[in-house]
């Protein structure tokens, strides 16, 4: 969903994996699933860091919002800044 067309060509696998896992984390938190350190561990596997997350925040937020709305959880208080 996030990495189609031009966005896929303009990002590295490191960025794509970090972004996708960050979206998964936000969704899980918003619907009450406890994931422990799984997201953090996965992001570290791909050498993701705070800079990638900060640079990607708008994309992460947009994707998470779209997914939450699609599953009917958009009215919950998701930890999206």
Protein backbone atom coordinates (compact mmCIF):
# COMPACT_ATOMS: atom_id res chain seq x y z
CA UNK A 1 0.00 0.00 0.00
CA UNK A 2 2.78 2.45 0.89
CA UNK A 3 5.38 1.39 -1.58
CA UNK A 4 3.81 1.33 -4.99
CA UNK A 5 4.87 3.13 -8.14
CA UNK A 6 7.33 6.00 -7.67
CA UNK A 7 7.52 5.63 -3.89
CA UNK A 8 8.91 2.11 -4.27
CA UNK A 9 11.60 3.29 -6.67
CA UNK A 10 12.54 6.25 -4.50
CA UNK A 11 13.01 4.35 -1.22
CA UNK A 12 15.45 1.72 -0.02
CA UNK A 13 14.46 -1.68 1.29
CA UNK A 14 15.64 -0.44 4.69
CA UNK A 15 13.19 2.46 4.57
CA UNK A 16 10.33 0.36 3.22
CA UNK A 17 10.70 -2.32 5.89
CA UNK A 18 11.02 0.27 8.65
CA UNK A 19 7.94 2.13 7.46
CA UNK A 20 5.85 -1.00 7.06
CA UNK A 21 6.74 -2.24 10.53
CA UNK A 22 6.03 1.17 12.03
CA UNK A 23 2.57 1.09 10.46
CA UNK A 24 2.01 -2.41 11.84
CA UNK A 25 3.04 -1.19 15.29
CA UNK A 26 0.64 1.77 15.18
CA UNK A 27 -2.24 -0.45 14.05
CA UNK A 28 -1.57 -3.03 16.76
CA UNK A 29 -1.39 -0.37 19.45
CA UNK A 30 -4.58 1.28 18.22
CA UNK A 31 -6.60 -1.93 18.37
CA UNK A 32 -5.08 -3.13 21.63
CA UNK A 33 -2.73 -5.88 20.48
CA UNK A 34 0.37 -6.24 22.61
CA UNK A 35 3.41 -6.91 20.46
CA UNK A 36 6.15 -6.61 23.05
CA UNK A 37 9.40 -5.65 21.39
CA UNK A 38 8.63 -7.38 18.07
CA UNK A 39 8.40 -4.17 16.04
CA UNK A 40 11.54 -2.72 17.56
CA UNK A 41 13.40 -5.96 16.96
CA UNK A 42 12.26 -6.15 13.33
CA UNK A 43 13.19 -2.53 12.64
CA UNK A 44 16.65 -3.19 14.08
CA UNK A 45 17.11 -6.17 11.75
CA UNK A 46 16.86 -3.72 8.84
CA UNK A 47 19.01 -1.09 10.59
CA UNK A 48 16.04 1.24 10.87
CA UNK A 49 16.58 4.26 13.07
CA UNK A 50 14.94 7.40 14.41
CA UNK A 51 15.93 9.40 11.32
CA UNK A 52 14.13 7.04 8.97
CA UNK A 53 11.08 7.05 11.23
CA UNK A 54 11.11 10.83 11.50
CA UNK A 55 11.57 11.30 7.75
CA UNK A 56 8.77 8.81 7.06
CA UNK A 57 6.29 9.95 9.69
CA UNK A 58 3.81 11.48 7.23
CA UNK A 59 3.74 8.29 5.14
CA UNK A 60 3.42 6.11 8.24
CA UNK A 61 0.61 8.24 9.63
CA UNK A 62 -1.30 8.29 6.34
CA UNK A 63 -1.10 4.52 5.86
CA UNK A 64 -2.03 3.76 9.46
CA UNK A 65 -5.00 6.13 9.29
CA UNK A 66 -6.23 4.54 6.05
CA UNK A 67 -5.99 1.04 7.52
CA UNK A 68 -7.64 2.01 10.80
CA UNK A 69 -10.50 3.66 8.92
CA UNK A 70 -10.88 0.63 6.63
CA UNK A 71 -11.20 -1.75 9.57
CA UNK A 72 -13.56 0.55 11.42
CA UNK A 73 -11.11 1.49 14.13
CA UNK A 74 -10.55 5.06 12.97
CA UNK A 75 -12.45 6.52 15.92
CA UNK A 76 -10.11 4.93 18.46
CA UNK A 77 -7.32 7.00 19.90
CA UNK A 78 -4.42 5.65 17.90
CA UNK A 79 -0.95 6.80 18.94
CA UNK A 80 -0.50 8.81 15.77
CA UNK A 81 1.10 12.21 16.15
